[in-house]
PDB file of N, CA and C in Angstrom:
ATOM      1  N   UNK A   1    -226.414 -37.081  64.318  1.00  0.00           N
ATOM      2  CA  UNK A   1    -226.889 -35.801  64.792  1.00  0.00           C
ATOM      3  C   UNK A   1    -227.760 -35.172  63.711  1.00  0.00           C
ATOM      4  N   UNK A   2    -228.719 -34.377  64.102  1.00  0.00           N
ATOM      5  CA  UNK A   2    -229.570 -33.722  63.136  1.00  0.00           C
ATOM      6  C   UNK A   2    -230.917 -34.377  62.983  1.00  0.00           C
ATOM      7  N   UNK A   3    -231.024 -35.616  63.410  1.00  0.00           N
ATOM      8  CA  UNK A   3    -232.305 -36.305  63.318  1.00  0.00           C
ATOM      9  C   UNK A   3    -232.785 -36.746  64.697  1.00  0.00           C
ATOM     10  N   UNK A   4    -232.186 -36.216  65.738  1.00  0.00           N
ATOM     11  CA  UNK A   4    -232.541 -36.559  67.114  1.00  0.00           C
ATOM     12  C   UNK A   4    -233.483 -35.520  67.692  1.00  0.00           C
ATOM     13  N   UNK A   5    -234.610 -35.975  68.209  1.00  0.00           N
ATOM     14  CA  UNK A   5    -235.527 -35.070  68.892  1.00  0.00           C
ATOM     15  C   UNK A   5    -234.855 -34.537  70.144  1.00  0.00           C
ATOM     16  N   UNK A   6    -235.114 -33.300  70.468  1.00  0.00           N
ATOM     17  CA  UNK A   6    -234.542 -32.684  71.654  1.00  0.00           C
ATOM     18  C   UNK A   6    -235.466 -32.805  72.862  1.00  0.00           C
ATOM     19  N   UNK A   7    -236.563 -33.509  72.705  1.00  0.00           N
ATOM     20  CA  UNK A   7    -237.509 -33.691  73.793  1.00  0.00           C
ATOM     21  C   UNK A   7    -237.369 -35.090  74.388  1.00  0.00           C
ATOM     22  N   UNK A   8    -237.837 -35.254  75.603  1.00  0.00           N
ATOM     23  CA  UNK A   8    -237.736 -36.534  76.290  1.00  0.00           C
ATOM     24  C   UNK A   8    -238.582 -37.593  75.606  1.00  0.00           C
ATOM     25  N   UNK A   9    -239.776 -37.208  75.158  1.00  0.00           N
ATOM     26  CA  UNK A   9    -240.652 -38.151  74.469  1.00  0.00           C
ATOM     27  C   UNK A   9    -241.427 -37.408  73.387  1.00  0.00           C
ATOM     28  N   UNK A  10    -242.325 -38.088  72.722  1.00  0.00           N
ATOM     29  CA  UNK A  10    -243.036 -37.476  71.593  1.00  0.00           C
ATOM     30  C   UNK A  10    -244.382 -36.860  71.985  1.00  0.00           C
ATOM     31  N   UNK A  11    -244.629 -36.701  73.273  1.00  0.00           N
ATOM     32  CA  UNK A  11    -245.884 -36.104  73.735  1.00  0.00           C
ATOM     33  C   UNK A  11    -245.848 -34.593  73.493  1.00  0.00           C
ATOM     34  N   UNK A  12    -246.925 -34.044  72.987  1.00  0.00           N
ATOM     35  CA  UNK A  12    -246.999 -32.602  72.717  1.00  0.00           C
ATOM     36  C   UNK A  12    -246.905 -31.808  74.017  1.00  0.00           C
ATOM     37  N   UNK A  13    -246.283 -30.641  73.930  1.00  0.00           N
ATOM     38  CA  UNK A  13    -246.168 -29.745  75.078  1.00  0.00           C
ATOM     39  C   UNK A  13    -247.113 -28.562  74.897  1.00  0.00           C
ATOM     40  N   UNK A  14    -247.800 -28.135  75.947  1.00  0.00           N
ATOM     41  CA  UNK A  14    -248.675 -26.966  75.818  1.00  0.00           C
ATOM     42  C   UNK A  14    -247.847 -25.681  75.706  1.00  0.00           C
ATOM     43  N   UNK A  15    -248.262 -24.774  74.851  1.00  0.00           N
ATOM     44  CA  UNK A  15    -247.540 -23.515  74.656  1.00  0.00           C
ATOM     45  C   UNK A  15    -247.496 -22.679  75.931  1.00  0.00           C
ATOM     46  N   UNK A  16    -248.432 -22.883  76.852  1.00  0.00           N
ATOM     47  CA  UNK A  16    -248.446 -22.125  78.103  1.00  0.00           C
ATOM     48  C   UNK A  16    -247.164 -22.337  78.897  1.00  0.00           C
ATOM     49  N   UNK A  17    -246.443 -23.412  78.644  1.00  0.00           N
ATOM     50  CA  UNK A  17    -245.179 -23.649  79.341  1.00  0.00           C
ATOM     51  C   UNK A  17    -244.148 -22.580  79.033  1.00  0.00           C
ATOM     52  N   UNK A  18    -244.310 -21.884  77.923  1.00  0.00           N
ATOM     53  CA  UNK A  18    -243.275 -20.980  77.450  1.00  0.00           C
ATOM     54  C   UNK A  18    -243.687 -19.512  77.456  1.00  0.00           C
ATOM     55  N   UNK A  19    -244.734 -19.153  78.183  1.00  0.00           N
ATOM     56  CA  UNK A  19    -245.123 -17.746  78.271  1.00  0.00           C
ATOM     57  C   UNK A  19    -244.056 -16.972  79.029  1.00  0.00           C
ATOM     58  N   UNK A  20    -244.011 -15.668  78.833  1.00  0.00           N
ATOM     59  CA  UNK A  20    -242.956 -14.856  79.439  1.00  0.00           C
ATOM     60  C   UNK A  20    -242.998 -14.840  80.966  1.00  0.00           C
ATOM     61  N   UNK A  21    -244.112 -15.242  81.560  1.00  0.00           N
ATOM     62  CA  UNK A  21    -244.212 -15.262  83.019  1.00  0.00           C
ATOM     63  C   UNK A  21    -243.910 -16.644  83.613  1.00  0.00           C
ATOM     64  N   UNK A  22    -243.552 -17.617  82.774  1.00  0.00           N
ATOM     65  CA  UNK A  22    -243.248 -18.960  83.262  1.00  0.00           C
ATOM     66  C   UNK A  22    -241.950 -18.942  84.079  1.00  0.00           C
ATOM     67  N   UNK A  23    -241.888 -19.770  85.095  1.00  0.00           N
ATOM     68  CA  UNK A  23    -240.670 -19.870  85.909  1.00  0.00           C
ATOM     69  C   UNK A  23    -240.141 -21.301  85.854  1.00  0.00           C
ATOM     70  N   UNK A  24    -238.841 -21.443  85.994  1.00  0.00           N
ATOM     71  CA  UNK A  24    -238.232 -22.765  86.016  1.00  0.00           C
ATOM     72  C   UNK A  24    -238.099 -23.428  84.666  1.00  0.00           C
ATOM     73  N   UNK A  25    -238.279 -22.686  83.588  1.00  0.00           N
ATOM     74  CA  UNK A  25    -238.154 -23.256  82.244  1.00  0.00           C
ATOM     75  C   UNK A  25    -236.725 -22.999  81.772  1.00  0.00           C
ATOM     76  N   UNK A  26    -235.891 -24.000  81.854  1.00  0.00           N
ATOM     77  CA  UNK A  26    -234.497 -23.869  81.430  1.00  0.00           C
ATOM     78  C   UNK A  26    -234.225 -24.944  80.375  1.00  0.00           C
ATOM     79  N   UNK A  27    -234.354 -24.552  79.141  1.00  0.00           N
ATOM     80  CA  UNK A  27    -234.141 -25.503  78.056  1.00  0.00           C
ATOM     81  C   UNK A  27    -232.703 -25.439  77.582  1.00  0.00           C
ATOM     82  N   UNK A  28    -232.173 -26.559  77.222  1.00  0.00           N
ATOM     83  CA  UNK A  28    -230.831 -26.635  76.665  1.00  0.00           C
ATOM     84  C   UNK A  28    -230.850 -27.699  75.575  1.00  0.00           C
ATOM     85  N   UNK A  29    -230.529 -27.297  74.370  1.00  0.00           N
ATOM     86  CA  UNK A  29    -230.579 -28.203  73.228  1.00  0.00           C
ATOM     87  C   UNK A  29    -229.185 -28.430  72.664  1.00  0.00           C
ATOM     88  N   UNK A  30    -229.044 -29.447  71.820  1.00  0.00           N
ATOM     89  CA  UNK A  30    -227.789 -29.663  71.108  1.00  0.00           C
ATOM     90  C   UNK A  30    -227.540 -28.480  70.181  1.00  0.00           C
ATOM     91  N   UNK A  31    -226.293 -28.250  69.853  1.00  0.00           N
ATOM     92  CA  UNK A  31    -225.932 -27.186  68.917  1.00  0.00           C
ATOM     93  C   UNK A  31    -226.275 -27.628  67.496  1.00  0.00           C
ATOM     94  N   UNK A  32    -226.933 -26.752  66.753  1.00  0.00           N
ATOM     95  CA  UNK A  32    -227.234 -27.030  65.349  1.00  0.00           C
ATOM     96  C   UNK A  32    -226.020 -26.658  64.508  1.00  0.00           C
ATOM     97  N   UNK A  33    -225.618 -27.547  63.640  1.00  0.00           N
ATOM     98  CA  UNK A  33    -224.478 -27.290  62.761  1.00  0.00           C
ATOM     99  C   UNK A  33    -224.883 -26.311  61.655  1.00  0.00           C
ATOM    100  N   UNK A  34    -223.882 -25.680  61.048  1.00  0.00           N
ATOM    101  CA  UNK A  34    -224.128 -24.759  59.942  1.00  0.00           C
ATOM    102  C   UNK A  34    -224.890 -25.507  58.844  1.00  0.00           C
ATOM    103  N   UNK A  35    -225.905 -24.892  58.289  1.00  0.00           N
ATOM    104  CA  UNK A  35    -226.750 -25.431  57.216  1.00  0.00           C
ATOM    105  C   UNK A  35    -227.649 -26.568  57.684  1.00  0.00           C
ATOM    106  N   UNK A  36    -227.751 -26.795  58.985  1.00  0.00           N
ATOM    107  CA  UNK A  36    -228.648 -27.819  59.522  1.00  0.00           C
ATOM    108  C   UNK A  36    -230.001 -27.181  59.801  1.00  0.00           C
ATOM    109  N   UNK A  37    -231.079 -27.820  59.367  1.00  0.00           N
ATOM    110  CA  UNK A  37    -232.419 -27.290  59.598  1.00  0.00           C
ATOM    111  C   UNK A  37    -232.832 -27.471  61.051  1.00  0.00           C
ATOM    112  N   UNK A  38    -233.531 -26.476  61.567  1.00  0.00           N
ATOM    113  CA  UNK A  38    -234.138 -26.550  62.893  1.00  0.00           C
ATOM    114  C   UNK A  38    -235.631 -26.372  62.677  1.00  0.00           C
ATOM    115  N   UNK A  39    -236.436 -27.305  63.163  1.00  0.00           N
ATOM    116  CA  UNK A  39    -237.876 -27.261  62.932  1.00  0.00           C
ATOM    117  C   UNK A  39    -238.624 -27.082  64.243  1.00  0.00           C
ATOM    118  N   UNK A  40    -239.620 -26.238  64.219  1.00  0.00           N
ATOM    119  CA  UNK A  40    -240.531 -26.045  65.336  1.00  0.00           C
ATOM    120  C   UNK A  40    -241.915 -26.395  64.811  1.00  0.00           C
ATOM    121  N   UNK A  41    -242.497 -27.475  65.314  1.00  0.00           N
ATOM    122  CA  UNK A  41    -243.787 -27.958  64.818  1.00  0.00           C
ATOM    123  C   UNK A  41    -244.878 -27.488  65.758  1.00  0.00           C
ATOM    124  N   UNK A  42    -245.877 -26.819  65.196  1.00  0.00           N
ATOM    125  CA  UNK A  42    -246.952 -26.219  65.994  1.00  0.00           C
ATOM    126  C   UNK A  42    -248.289 -26.756  65.505  1.00  0.00           C
ATOM    127  N   UNK A  43    -249.177 -27.074  66.437  1.00  0.00           N
ATOM    128  CA  UNK A  43    -250.520 -27.532  66.090  1.00  0.00           C
ATOM    129  C   UNK A  43    -251.544 -26.655  66.800  1.00  0.00           C
ATOM    130  N   UNK A  44    -252.558 -26.227  66.075  1.00  0.00           N
ATOM    131  CA  UNK A  44    -253.648 -25.444  66.646  1.00  0.00           C
ATOM    132  C   UNK A  44    -254.688 -26.418  67.191  1.00  0.00           C
ATOM    133  N   UNK A  45    -254.859 -26.435  68.513  1.00  0.00           N
ATOM    134  CA  UNK A  45    -255.791 -27.362  69.131  1.00  0.00           C
ATOM    135  C   UNK A  45    -257.205 -26.841  69.256  1.00  0.00           C
ATOM    136  N   UNK A  46    -257.476 -25.656  68.689  1.00  0.00           N
ATOM    137  CA  UNK A  46    -258.820 -25.097  68.785  1.00  0.00           C
ATOM    138  C   UNK A  46    -259.506 -25.145  67.422  1.00  0.00           C
ATOM    139  N   UNK A  47    -260.775 -24.820  67.418  1.00  0.00           N
ATOM    140  CA  UNK A  47    -261.551 -24.849  66.180  1.00  0.00           C
ATOM    141  C   UNK A  47    -261.472 -23.530  65.410  1.00  0.00           C
ATOM    142  N   UNK A  48    -260.833 -22.512  66.002  1.00  0.00           N
ATOM    143  CA  UNK A  48    -260.736 -21.206  65.345  1.00  0.00           C
ATOM    144  C   UNK A  48    -259.295 -20.943  64.919  1.00  0.00           C
ATOM    145  N   UNK A  49    -259.153 -20.115  63.904  1.00  0.00           N
ATOM    146  CA  UNK A  49    -257.816 -19.746  63.442  1.00  0.00           C
ATOM    147  C   UNK A  49    -257.100 -18.964  64.545  1.00  0.00           C
ATOM    148  N   UNK A  50    -255.831 -19.256  64.735  1.00  0.00           N
ATOM    149  CA  UNK A  50    -255.049 -18.623  65.787  1.00  0.00           C
ATOM    150  C   UNK A  50    -253.704 -18.195  65.218  1.00  0.00           C
ATOM    151  N   UNK A  51    -253.262 -17.001  65.599  1.00  0.00           N
ATOM    152  CA  UNK A  51    -251.948 -16.521  65.185  1.00  0.00           C
ATOM    153  C   UNK A  51    -250.906 -17.062  66.156  1.00  0.00           C
ATOM    154  N   UNK A  52    -249.822 -17.581  65.628  1.00  0.00           N
ATOM    155  CA  UNK A  52    -248.732 -18.102  66.447  1.00  0.00           C
ATOM    156  C   UNK A  52    -247.449 -17.393  66.064  1.00  0.00           C
ATOM    157  N   UNK A  53    -246.713 -16.925  67.061  1.00  0.00           N
ATOM    158  CA  UNK A  53    -245.422 -16.293  66.825  1.00  0.00           C
ATOM    159  C   UNK A  53    -244.396 -16.991  67.696  1.00  0.00           C
ATOM    160  N   UNK A  54    -243.183 -17.155  67.181  1.00  0.00           N
ATOM    161  CA  UNK A  54    -242.145 -17.835  67.944  1.00  0.00           C
ATOM    162  C   UNK A  54    -240.784 -17.281  67.583  1.00  0.00           C
ATOM    163  N   UNK A  55    -239.846 -17.510  68.463  1.00  0.00           N
ATOM    164  CA  UNK A  55    -238.446 -17.157  68.216  1.00  0.00           C
ATOM    165  C   UNK A  55    -237.583 -18.217  68.866  1.00  0.00           C
ATOM    166  N   UNK A  56    -236.451 -18.477  68.270  1.00  0.00           N
ATOM    167  CA  UNK A  56    -235.477 -19.374  68.868  1.00  0.00           C
ATOM    168  C   UNK A  56    -234.256 -18.523  69.185  1.00  0.00           C
ATOM    169  N   UNK A  57    -233.891 -18.491  70.458  1.00  0.00           N
ATOM    170  CA  UNK A  57    -232.791 -17.647  70.912  1.00  0.00           C
ATOM    171  C   UNK A  57    -231.652 -18.532  71.379  1.00  0.00           C
ATOM    172  N   UNK A  58    -230.451 -18.198  70.995  1.00  0.00           N
ATOM    173  CA  UNK A  58    -229.303 -18.983  71.431  1.00  0.00           C
ATOM    174  C   UNK A  58    -228.010 -18.361  70.963  1.00  0.00           C
ATOM    175  N   UNK A  59    -226.930 -19.051  71.201  1.00  0.00           N
ATOM    176  CA  UNK A  59    -225.607 -18.589  70.821  1.00  0.00           C
ATOM    177  C   UNK A  59    -225.282 -19.091  69.417  1.00  0.00           C
ATOM    178  N   UNK A  60    -224.727 -18.233  68.597  1.00  0.00           N
ATOM    179  CA  UNK A  60    -224.351 -18.631  67.243  1.00  0.00           C
ATOM    180  C   UNK A  60    -223.030 -19.392  67.272  1.00  0.00           C
ATOM    181  N   UNK A  61    -223.008 -20.557  66.642  1.00  0.00           N
ATOM    182  CA  UNK A  61    -221.780 -21.348  66.519  1.00  0.00           C
ATOM    183  C   UNK A  61    -221.094 -20.951  65.229  1.00  0.00           C
ATOM    184  N   UNK A  62    -219.822 -20.641  65.310  1.00  0.00           N
ATOM    185  CA  UNK A  62    -219.113 -20.196  64.102  1.00  0.00           C
ATOM    186  C   UNK A  62    -217.932 -21.063  63.813  1.00  0.00           C
TER     187      UNK A  62
END
């Protein structure tokens, strides 16, 4: 655990899938253990600088 991708394959997903108006997006990931890193990898596909903001929301495991 900890080195397993949470996605079905390694194909990039468009950020438009996760806009606040998206419907049917129900993600469920494995629980991250205490002190385990969680990484969100983002790539800018345009030629101009772009600001990216993100949040990961979930239940805290104690």
